[in-house]
Amino acid sequence: MTTTTPALNPLVQEAPLTVDPGTIEKVSIVISKGSLEEIYPGLIMANGARAEGIDVNVFFTFFGMDAIHKNRQGHIKVATVGNPGMHIPTWAGGIPGVSWLATKMMSRKIEELDIPDIPEFVEMISDTGAGLYACMASTDLFGFDEDDLMDQVGGIITVGEFYEMAAGGQIIFT
């Protein structure tokens, strides 16, 4: 089935946009931030794509690598300072204990919804056949090596290697 959309501006003649909704066969998801509310969307999207039979590669870079770092993944918190989604003044997010409280509340809600914690989620996504990769530039920057990362990580790769894997698919940044 195809759909067309009319021109957005009636004064300008535009060719109709043709969309085939069944074309996504591969996605590559980039997780670049290390807070709870930044990591989970990428993991949820990867899991959902695999459930739909879509090939998935997840590329962890910068602070998003905390999700796959053995010693850091258990300490991921909700970002409260400067987070407009918190709907609190920036100064309030900096009060000692606010980040801990927000993290505790979000973790409890995640558990109530039966969403796995981050290490279990990463393992589950890997078990479905998704590729999980760490960014070489970020591992060099932070002094990480393969021993620091979960066993499910398929390797430390360059950005160029990531683009080769992503070729022909959609790239999603979270």
N, C-alpha and C. Protein backbone atom coordinates (compact mmCIF):
# COMPACT_ATOMS: atom_id res chain seq x y z
N MET A 1 0.84 -1.17 0.00
CA MET A 1 0.00 0.00 0.00
C MET A 1 0.88 1.23 0.00
N THR A 2 0.52 2.22 -0.79
CA THR A 2 1.26 3.47 -0.79
C THR A 2 0.30 4.60 -0.44
N THR A 3 0.88 5.62 0.16
CA THR A 3 0.08 6.80 0.48
C THR A 3 0.80 8.01 -0.08
N THR A 4 0.03 9.02 -0.38
CA THR A 4 0.63 10.27 -0.85
C THR A 4 0.17 11.38 0.07
N THR A 5 1.03 12.36 0.19
CA THR A 5 0.68 13.51 1.01
C THR A 5 0.56 14.72 0.11
N PRO A 6 -0.42 15.59 0.36
CA PRO A 6 -0.59 16.78 -0.46
C PRO A 6 0.53 17.79 -0.15
N ALA A 7 0.69 18.75 -1.03
CA ALA A 7 1.68 19.80 -0.83
C ALA A 7 1.36 20.54 0.47
N LEU A 8 2.40 20.88 1.21
CA LEU A 8 2.21 21.59 2.46
C LEU A 8 1.81 23.05 2.22
N ASN A 9 2.31 23.63 1.16
CA ASN A 9 1.99 25.01 0.82
C ASN A 9 1.20 25.00 -0.48
N PRO A 10 -0.07 25.40 -0.45
CA PRO A 10 -0.89 25.32 -1.66
C PRO A 10 -0.41 26.23 -2.79
N LEU A 11 0.45 27.20 -2.50
CA LEU A 11 0.98 28.10 -3.52
C LEU A 11 2.18 27.51 -4.25
N VAL A 12 2.73 26.43 -3.73
CA VAL A 12 3.91 25.81 -4.32
C VAL A 12 3.52 24.44 -4.84
N GLN A 13 3.85 24.16 -6.09
CA GLN A 13 3.59 22.85 -6.66
C GLN A 13 4.70 21.90 -6.20
N GLU A 14 4.31 20.86 -5.49
CA GLU A 14 5.28 19.88 -5.02
C GLU A 14 4.86 18.50 -5.51
N ALA A 15 5.85 17.69 -5.80
CA ALA A 15 5.56 16.31 -6.19
C ALA A 15 5.05 15.56 -4.95
N PRO A 16 4.05 14.70 -5.11
CA PRO A 16 3.56 13.93 -3.95
C PRO A 16 4.63 12.99 -3.41
N LEU A 17 4.64 12.82 -2.11
CA LEU A 17 5.57 11.93 -1.44
C LEU A 17 4.95 10.54 -1.42
N THR A 18 5.67 9.57 -1.90
CA THR A 18 5.20 8.19 -1.89
C THR A 18 5.90 7.45 -0.76
N VAL A 19 5.12 6.79 0.06
CA VAL A 19 5.67 6.07 1.21
C VAL A 19 5.23 4.62 1.15
N ASP A 20 6.19 3.71 1.28
CA ASP A 20 5.89 2.29 1.37
C ASP A 20 6.16 1.89 2.82
N PRO A 21 5.11 1.66 3.63
CA PRO A 21 5.31 1.42 5.06
C PRO A 21 6.01 0.11 5.41
N GLY A 22 6.20 -0.78 4.48
CA GLY A 22 6.81 -2.07 4.80
C GLY A 22 8.27 -2.17 4.41
N THR A 23 9.00 -1.06 4.36
CA THR A 23 10.36 -1.10 3.83
C THR A 23 11.47 -1.20 4.87
N ILE A 24 11.18 -1.07 6.13
CA ILE A 24 12.27 -1.11 7.12
C ILE A 24 12.69 -2.55 7.34
N GLU A 25 13.92 -2.85 6.96
CA GLU A 25 14.47 -4.19 7.13
C GLU A 25 15.64 -4.19 8.09
N LYS A 26 16.27 -3.02 8.28
CA LYS A 26 17.46 -2.94 9.13
C LYS A 26 17.52 -1.57 9.79
N VAL A 27 17.83 -1.56 11.09
CA VAL A 27 18.06 -0.30 11.79
C VAL A 27 19.36 -0.39 12.57
N SER A 28 20.00 0.73 12.68
CA SER A 28 21.18 0.87 13.51
C SER A 28 20.88 1.97 14.51
N ILE A 29 20.99 1.65 15.77
CA ILE A 29 20.61 2.57 16.84
C ILE A 29 21.88 3.03 17.55
N VAL A 30 22.01 4.34 17.70
CA VAL A 30 23.16 4.93 18.39
C VAL A 30 22.70 5.39 19.76
N ILE A 31 23.32 4.85 20.81
CA ILE A 31 23.04 5.28 22.18
C ILE A 31 24.27 6.04 22.65
N SER A 32 24.11 7.36 22.84
CA SER A 32 25.26 8.22 23.12
C SER A 32 25.21 8.90 24.49
N LYS A 33 24.13 8.73 25.20
CA LYS A 33 24.01 9.39 26.50
C LYS A 33 23.83 8.34 27.58
N GLY A 34 24.28 8.65 28.79
CA GLY A 34 24.36 7.65 29.83
C GLY A 34 23.37 7.76 30.95
N SER A 35 22.27 8.47 30.75
CA SER A 35 21.26 8.55 31.80
C SER A 35 20.17 7.51 31.54
N LEU A 36 19.43 7.20 32.58
CA LEU A 36 18.38 6.20 32.49
C LEU A 36 17.38 6.52 31.38
N GLU A 37 16.98 7.78 31.31
CA GLU A 37 15.97 8.16 30.33
C GLU A 37 16.54 8.30 28.91
N GLU A 38 17.84 8.17 28.75
CA GLU A 38 18.46 8.21 27.43
C GLU A 38 18.82 6.81 26.93
N ILE A 39 19.13 5.91 27.85
CA ILE A 39 19.52 4.54 27.46
C ILE A 39 18.30 3.69 27.14
N TYR A 40 17.28 3.75 27.99
CA TYR A 40 16.11 2.87 27.80
C TYR A 40 15.42 3.04 26.44
N PRO A 41 15.23 4.26 25.92
CA PRO A 41 14.56 4.35 24.61
C PRO A 41 15.28 3.56 23.52
N GLY A 42 16.61 3.62 23.49
CA GLY A 42 17.36 2.86 22.49
C GLY A 42 17.21 1.36 22.66
N LEU A 43 17.23 0.91 23.92
CA LEU A 43 17.07 -0.51 24.18
C LEU A 43 15.66 -0.97 23.83
N ILE A 44 14.68 -0.17 24.16
CA ILE A 44 13.29 -0.51 23.84
C ILE A 44 13.08 -0.56 22.33
N MET A 45 13.66 0.42 21.62
CA MET A 45 13.54 0.43 20.16
C MET A 45 14.24 -0.79 19.54
N ALA A 46 15.41 -1.15 20.06
CA ALA A 46 16.13 -2.31 19.53
C ALA A 46 15.33 -3.59 19.77
N ASN A 47 14.80 -3.72 20.97
CA ASN A 47 14.00 -4.90 21.29
C ASN A 47 12.74 -4.97 20.42
N GLY A 48 12.08 -3.86 20.26
CA GLY A 48 10.88 -3.82 19.42
C GLY A 48 11.17 -4.14 17.97
N ALA A 49 12.29 -3.64 17.47
CA ALA A 49 12.67 -3.93 16.08
C ALA A 49 12.94 -5.42 15.90
N ARG A 50 13.67 -6.01 16.83
CA ARG A 50 13.95 -7.45 16.74
C ARG A 50 12.65 -8.25 16.81
N ALA A 51 11.71 -7.81 17.65
CA ALA A 51 10.42 -8.50 17.75
C ALA A 51 9.66 -8.44 16.43
N GLU A 52 9.91 -7.42 15.63
CA GLU A 52 9.27 -7.28 14.32
C GLU A 52 10.08 -7.94 13.21
N GLY A 53 11.20 -8.58 13.57
CA GLY A 53 12.02 -9.26 12.57
C GLY A 53 12.99 -8.35 11.84
N ILE A 54 13.19 -7.17 12.36
CA ILE A 54 14.09 -6.21 11.74
C ILE A 54 15.51 -6.47 12.25
N ASP A 55 16.49 -6.46 11.34
CA ASP A 55 17.89 -6.59 11.74
C ASP A 55 18.30 -5.35 12.52
N VAL A 56 19.04 -5.54 13.61
CA VAL A 56 19.39 -4.43 14.49
C VAL A 56 20.87 -4.49 14.86
N ASN A 57 21.51 -3.34 14.80
CA ASN A 57 22.84 -3.12 15.38
C ASN A 57 22.72 -1.93 16.31
N VAL A 58 23.30 -2.06 17.52
CA VAL A 58 23.28 -0.97 18.48
C VAL A 58 24.73 -0.54 18.70
N PHE A 59 24.97 0.75 18.53
CA PHE A 59 26.31 1.34 18.65
C PHE A 59 26.32 2.23 19.89
N PHE A 60 27.12 1.85 20.87
CA PHE A 60 27.21 2.60 22.12
C PHE A 60 28.43 3.51 22.04
N THR A 61 28.22 4.80 22.26
CA THR A 61 29.30 5.76 22.18
C THR A 61 29.20 6.75 23.33
N PHE A 62 30.29 7.43 23.61
CA PHE A 62 30.40 8.37 24.73
C PHE A 62 29.76 7.79 25.98
N PHE A 63 28.91 8.54 26.66
CA PHE A 63 28.40 8.09 27.95
C PHE A 63 27.35 6.99 27.81
N GLY A 64 26.85 6.75 26.61
CA GLY A 64 25.96 5.63 26.37
C GLY A 64 26.64 4.29 26.62
N MET A 65 27.98 4.31 26.60
CA MET A 65 28.72 3.07 26.87
C MET A 65 28.56 2.60 28.30
N ASP A 66 28.05 3.45 29.18
CA ASP A 66 27.78 3.01 30.55
C ASP A 66 26.80 1.84 30.57
N ALA A 67 25.94 1.76 29.56
CA ALA A 67 24.95 0.68 29.49
C ALA A 67 25.60 -0.69 29.30
N ILE A 68 26.80 -0.73 28.72
CA ILE A 68 27.46 -2.00 28.46
C ILE A 68 28.75 -2.17 29.27
N HIS A 69 29.05 -1.19 30.12
CA HIS A 69 30.25 -1.26 30.97
C HIS A 69 29.92 -2.02 32.24
N LYS A 70 30.63 -3.10 32.49
CA LYS A 70 30.33 -3.98 33.63
C LYS A 70 30.25 -3.25 34.96
N ASN A 71 31.12 -2.29 35.19
CA ASN A 71 31.16 -1.61 36.49
C ASN A 71 30.30 -0.36 36.57
N ARG A 72 29.75 0.08 35.47
CA ARG A 72 28.97 1.31 35.46
C ARG A 72 27.48 1.10 35.27
N GLN A 73 27.09 -0.01 34.65
CA GLN A 73 25.69 -0.18 34.28
C GLN A 73 24.75 -0.28 35.47
N GLY A 74 25.25 -0.59 36.63
CA GLY A 74 24.41 -0.66 37.81
C GLY A 74 24.27 0.68 38.53
N HIS A 75 24.89 1.72 37.99
CA HIS A 75 24.88 3.04 38.64
C HIS A 75 24.31 4.13 37.75
N ILE A 76 23.48 3.76 36.80
CA ILE A 76 22.91 4.74 35.87
C ILE A 76 21.74 5.44 36.54
N LYS A 77 21.73 6.76 36.42
CA LYS A 77 20.74 7.57 37.12
C LYS A 77 19.91 8.42 36.16
N VAL A 78 18.83 8.95 36.66
CA VAL A 78 18.03 9.93 35.93
C VAL A 78 18.73 11.28 36.03
N ALA A 79 18.87 11.95 34.91
CA ALA A 79 19.48 13.29 34.92
C ALA A 79 18.42 14.30 35.35
N THR A 80 18.69 15.02 36.42
CA THR A 80 17.70 15.98 36.92
C THR A 80 18.08 17.42 36.63
N VAL A 81 19.36 17.72 36.50
CA VAL A 81 19.79 19.09 36.24
C VAL A 81 19.66 19.39 34.75
N GLY A 82 18.92 20.43 34.42
CA GLY A 82 18.77 20.83 33.03
C GLY A 82 17.95 19.89 32.18
N ASN A 83 17.17 19.04 32.79
CA ASN A 83 16.34 18.09 32.05
C ASN A 83 14.92 18.66 31.99
N PRO A 84 14.53 19.22 30.84
CA PRO A 84 13.20 19.83 30.75
C PRO A 84 12.06 18.85 30.97
N GLY A 85 12.31 17.56 30.75
CA GLY A 85 11.29 16.55 30.96
C GLY A 85 10.97 16.33 32.43
N MET A 86 11.84 16.80 33.31
CA MET A 86 11.59 16.65 34.75
C MET A 86 10.53 17.64 35.24
N HIS A 87 10.33 18.71 34.50
CA HIS A 87 9.34 19.73 34.85
C HIS A 87 9.60 20.33 36.23
N ILE A 88 10.88 20.49 36.55
CA ILE A 88 11.28 21.17 37.78
C ILE A 88 12.32 22.22 37.41
N PRO A 89 12.46 23.26 38.21
CA PRO A 89 13.50 24.25 37.90
C PRO A 89 14.89 23.60 37.92
N THR A 90 15.77 24.09 37.07
CA THR A 90 17.12 23.54 36.99
C THR A 90 17.80 23.51 38.35
N TRP A 91 17.64 24.57 39.12
CA TRP A 91 18.30 24.62 40.44
C TRP A 91 17.80 23.51 41.36
N ALA A 92 16.53 23.12 41.22
CA ALA A 92 15.97 22.08 42.08
C ALA A 92 16.59 20.71 41.77
N GLY A 93 16.95 20.50 40.51
CA GLY A 93 17.57 19.25 40.13
C GLY A 93 18.94 19.06 40.75
N GLY A 94 19.57 20.16 41.15
CA GLY A 94 20.90 20.10 41.75
C GLY A 94 20.90 19.89 43.25
N ILE A 95 19.76 19.89 43.87
CA ILE A 95 19.68 19.67 45.31
C ILE A 95 20.10 18.23 45.61
N PRO A 96 21.00 18.05 46.59
CA PRO A 96 21.43 16.68 46.92
C PRO A 96 20.24 15.75 47.18
N GLY A 97 20.27 14.60 46.58
CA GLY A 97 19.24 13.59 46.78
C GLY A 97 18.15 13.59 45.73
N VAL A 98 18.02 14.68 44.96
CA VAL A 98 16.94 14.75 43.97
C VAL A 98 17.17 13.72 42.85
N SER A 99 18.39 13.62 42.36
CA SER A 99 18.68 12.64 41.32
C SER A 99 18.46 11.22 41.83
N TRP A 100 18.88 10.96 43.07
CA TRP A 100 18.69 9.63 43.66
C TRP A 100 17.20 9.31 43.76
N LEU A 101 16.41 10.28 44.22
CA LEU A 101 14.97 10.08 44.38
C LEU A 101 14.31 9.85 43.02
N ALA A 102 14.66 10.66 42.02
CA ALA A 102 14.08 10.50 40.69
C ALA A 102 14.45 9.14 40.10
N THR A 103 15.70 8.72 40.31
CA THR A 103 16.15 7.43 39.82
C THR A 103 15.39 6.30 40.50
N LYS A 104 15.21 6.41 41.80
CA LYS A 104 14.49 5.39 42.57
C LYS A 104 13.04 5.28 42.08
N MET A 105 12.40 6.42 41.88
CA MET A 105 11.01 6.42 41.42
C MET A 105 10.89 5.81 40.02
N MET A 106 11.80 6.20 39.11
CA MET A 106 11.76 5.69 37.75
C MET A 106 12.07 4.19 37.74
N SER A 107 13.04 3.76 38.54
CA SER A 107 13.39 2.34 38.60
C SER A 107 12.22 1.51 39.12
N ARG A 108 11.52 2.04 40.10
CA ARG A 108 10.37 1.33 40.65
C ARG A 108 9.27 1.20 39.58
N LYS A 109 9.04 2.25 38.83
CA LYS A 109 8.02 2.22 37.78
C LYS A 109 8.42 1.23 36.67
N ILE A 110 9.69 1.23 36.32
CA ILE A 110 10.19 0.29 35.31
C ILE A 110 9.98 -1.15 35.78
N GLU A 111 10.27 -1.40 37.04
CA GLU A 111 10.08 -2.73 37.60
C GLU A 111 8.60 -3.12 37.61
N GLU A 112 7.72 -2.18 37.99
CA GLU A 112 6.27 -2.45 37.99
C GLU A 112 5.77 -2.82 36.61
N LEU A 113 6.35 -2.22 35.58
CA LEU A 113 5.95 -2.51 34.21
C LEU A 113 6.62 -3.75 33.65
N ASP A 114 7.41 -4.41 34.49
CA ASP A 114 8.11 -5.64 34.13
C ASP A 114 9.08 -5.43 32.97
N ILE A 115 9.71 -4.25 32.95
CA ILE A 115 10.75 -3.96 31.98
C ILE A 115 12.07 -4.39 32.63
N PRO A 116 12.91 -5.13 31.92
CA PRO A 116 14.16 -5.60 32.53
C PRO A 116 15.09 -4.45 32.90
N ASP A 117 15.96 -4.70 33.89
CA ASP A 117 16.98 -3.70 34.17
C ASP A 117 17.97 -3.68 33.01
N ILE A 118 18.85 -2.70 32.98
CA ILE A 118 19.70 -2.49 31.81
C ILE A 118 20.57 -3.71 31.49
N PRO A 119 21.30 -4.31 32.44
CA PRO A 119 22.12 -5.48 32.06
C PRO A 119 21.30 -6.63 31.48
N GLU A 120 20.15 -6.90 32.08
CA GLU A 120 19.30 -7.97 31.57
C GLU A 120 18.74 -7.62 30.19
N PHE A 121 18.38 -6.36 29.99
CA PHE A 121 17.83 -5.92 28.72
C PHE A 121 18.88 -6.05 27.61
N VAL A 122 20.11 -5.63 27.90
CA VAL A 122 21.20 -5.75 26.91
C VAL A 122 21.41 -7.22 26.55
N GLU A 123 21.43 -8.08 27.55
CA GLU A 123 21.62 -9.51 27.31
C GLU A 123 20.46 -10.08 26.48
N MET A 124 19.25 -9.68 26.82
CA MET A 124 18.06 -10.15 26.11
C MET A 124 18.10 -9.73 24.64
N ILE A 125 18.48 -8.49 24.39
CA ILE A 125 18.54 -7.98 23.01
C ILE A 125 19.62 -8.73 22.23
N SER A 126 20.74 -8.98 22.87
CA SER A 126 21.81 -9.75 22.23
C SER A 126 21.33 -11.15 21.88
N ASP A 127 20.60 -11.77 22.79
CA ASP A 127 20.09 -13.13 22.58
C ASP A 127 19.13 -13.22 21.38
N THR A 128 18.52 -12.09 21.00
CA THR A 128 17.61 -12.10 19.85
C THR A 128 18.37 -11.99 18.53
N GLY A 129 19.69 -11.80 18.61
CA GLY A 129 20.49 -11.72 17.39
C GLY A 129 20.92 -10.32 17.01
N ALA A 130 20.61 -9.33 17.83
CA ALA A 130 21.05 -7.96 17.53
C ALA A 130 22.56 -7.87 17.74
N GLY A 131 23.19 -7.02 16.96
CA GLY A 131 24.61 -6.76 17.13
C GLY A 131 24.81 -5.60 18.10
N LEU A 132 25.70 -5.77 19.06
CA LEU A 132 26.00 -4.73 20.04
C LEU A 132 27.47 -4.36 19.91
N TYR A 133 27.75 -3.06 19.75
CA TYR A 133 29.12 -2.64 19.48
C TYR A 133 29.47 -1.39 20.29
N ALA A 134 30.74 -1.33 20.70
CA ALA A 134 31.25 -0.16 21.40
C ALA A 134 32.06 0.67 20.42
N CYS A 135 32.03 1.97 20.61
CA CYS A 135 32.75 2.91 19.76
C CYS A 135 34.23 2.93 20.14
N MET A 136 35.09 2.72 19.17
CA MET A 136 36.53 2.71 19.43
C MET A 136 37.04 4.05 19.94
N ALA A 137 36.59 5.14 19.34
CA ALA A 137 37.05 6.45 19.79
C ALA A 137 36.67 6.69 21.25
N SER A 138 35.47 6.26 21.64
CA SER A 138 35.03 6.45 23.02
C SER A 138 35.78 5.54 23.99
N THR A 139 36.04 4.30 23.58
CA THR A 139 36.80 3.42 24.47
C THR A 139 38.21 3.96 24.66
N ASP A 140 38.79 4.49 23.61
CA ASP A 140 40.12 5.11 23.73
C ASP A 140 40.06 6.33 24.63
N LEU A 141 39.03 7.15 24.45
CA LEU A 141 38.88 8.37 25.23
C LEU A 141 38.76 8.08 26.72
N PHE A 142 37.97 7.06 27.08
CA PHE A 142 37.72 6.75 28.48
C PHE A 142 38.66 5.68 29.04
N GLY A 143 39.53 5.13 28.21
CA GLY A 143 40.48 4.12 28.67
C GLY A 143 39.84 2.76 28.94
N PHE A 144 38.78 2.42 28.21
CA PHE A 144 38.12 1.13 28.36
C PHE A 144 38.75 0.13 27.40
N ASP A 145 38.61 -1.14 27.73
CA ASP A 145 38.96 -2.20 26.78
C ASP A 145 37.87 -3.27 26.84
N GLU A 146 38.03 -4.31 26.05
CA GLU A 146 36.99 -5.34 25.96
C GLU A 146 36.67 -5.99 27.30
N ASP A 147 37.65 -6.08 28.19
CA ASP A 147 37.41 -6.68 29.51
C ASP A 147 36.46 -5.86 30.36
N ASP A 148 36.33 -4.56 30.07
CA ASP A 148 35.43 -3.69 30.82
C ASP A 148 33.98 -3.84 30.38
N LEU A 149 33.77 -4.43 29.21
CA LEU A 149 32.45 -4.48 28.60
C LEU A 149 31.78 -5.83 28.79
N MET A 150 30.46 -5.82 28.72
CA MET A 150 29.68 -7.06 28.81
C MET A 150 30.10 -8.04 27.72
N ASP A 151 29.97 -9.31 28.02
CA ASP A 151 30.34 -10.35 27.06
C ASP A 151 29.50 -10.29 25.79
N GLN A 152 28.31 -9.72 25.87
CA GLN A 152 27.41 -9.66 24.71
C GLN A 152 27.87 -8.65 23.65
N VAL A 153 28.81 -7.78 24.01
CA VAL A 153 29.30 -6.79 23.05
C VAL A 153 30.11 -7.51 21.99
N GLY A 154 29.72 -7.29 20.73
CA GLY A 154 30.34 -7.99 19.61
C GLY A 154 31.70 -7.45 19.22
N GLY A 155 32.10 -6.35 19.79
CA GLY A 155 33.42 -5.80 19.48
C GLY A 155 33.46 -4.30 19.66
N ILE A 156 34.66 -3.80 19.59
CA ILE A 156 34.91 -2.36 19.61
C ILE A 156 35.22 -2.00 18.17
N ILE A 157 34.40 -1.12 17.61
CA ILE A 157 34.52 -0.81 16.18
C ILE A 157 34.66 0.69 15.95
N THR A 158 35.16 1.03 14.77
CA THR A 158 35.29 2.44 14.38
C THR A 158 33.96 2.95 13.85
N VAL A 159 33.86 4.24 13.73
CA VAL A 159 32.66 4.85 13.15
C VAL A 159 32.48 4.37 11.71
N GLY A 160 33.59 4.26 10.97
CA GLY A 160 33.52 3.77 9.60
C GLY A 160 32.95 2.36 9.51
N GLU A 161 33.36 1.49 10.44
CA GLU A 161 32.82 0.14 10.46
C GLU A 161 31.34 0.15 10.81
N PHE A 162 30.95 1.05 11.70
CA PHE A 162 29.53 1.19 12.03
C PHE A 162 28.74 1.59 10.79
N TYR A 163 29.25 2.56 10.03
CA TYR A 163 28.54 3.00 8.82
C TYR A 163 28.44 1.87 7.80
N GLU A 164 29.47 1.03 7.70
CA GLU A 164 29.40 -0.12 6.79
C GLU A 164 28.27 -1.05 7.22
N MET A 165 28.15 -1.30 8.53
CA MET A 165 27.07 -2.15 9.04
C MET A 165 25.70 -1.52 8.81
N ALA A 166 25.65 -0.21 8.93
CA ALA A 166 24.38 0.51 8.83
C ALA A 166 23.92 0.70 7.39
N ALA A 167 24.80 0.49 6.43
CA ALA A 167 24.49 0.75 5.02
C ALA A 167 23.19 0.04 4.62
N GLY A 168 22.32 0.80 3.96
CA GLY A 168 21.07 0.26 3.47
C GLY A 168 19.94 0.24 4.49
N GLY A 169 20.21 0.71 5.69
CA GLY A 169 19.18 0.71 6.73
C GLY A 169 18.95 2.10 7.29
N GLN A 170 18.16 2.15 8.31
CA GLN A 170 17.85 3.41 9.00
C GLN A 170 18.82 3.58 10.18
N ILE A 171 19.24 4.81 10.45
CA ILE A 171 20.05 5.11 11.61
C ILE A 171 19.22 5.94 12.56
N ILE A 172 19.15 5.50 13.82
CA ILE A 172 18.35 6.18 14.84
C ILE A 172 19.27 6.60 15.98
N PHE A 173 19.24 7.88 16.32
CA PHE A 173 20.01 8.39 17.46
C PHE A 173 19.07 8.57 18.64
N THR A 174 19.48 8.08 19.79
CA THR A 174 18.67 8.31 20.99
C THR A 174 19.46 9.14 21.98
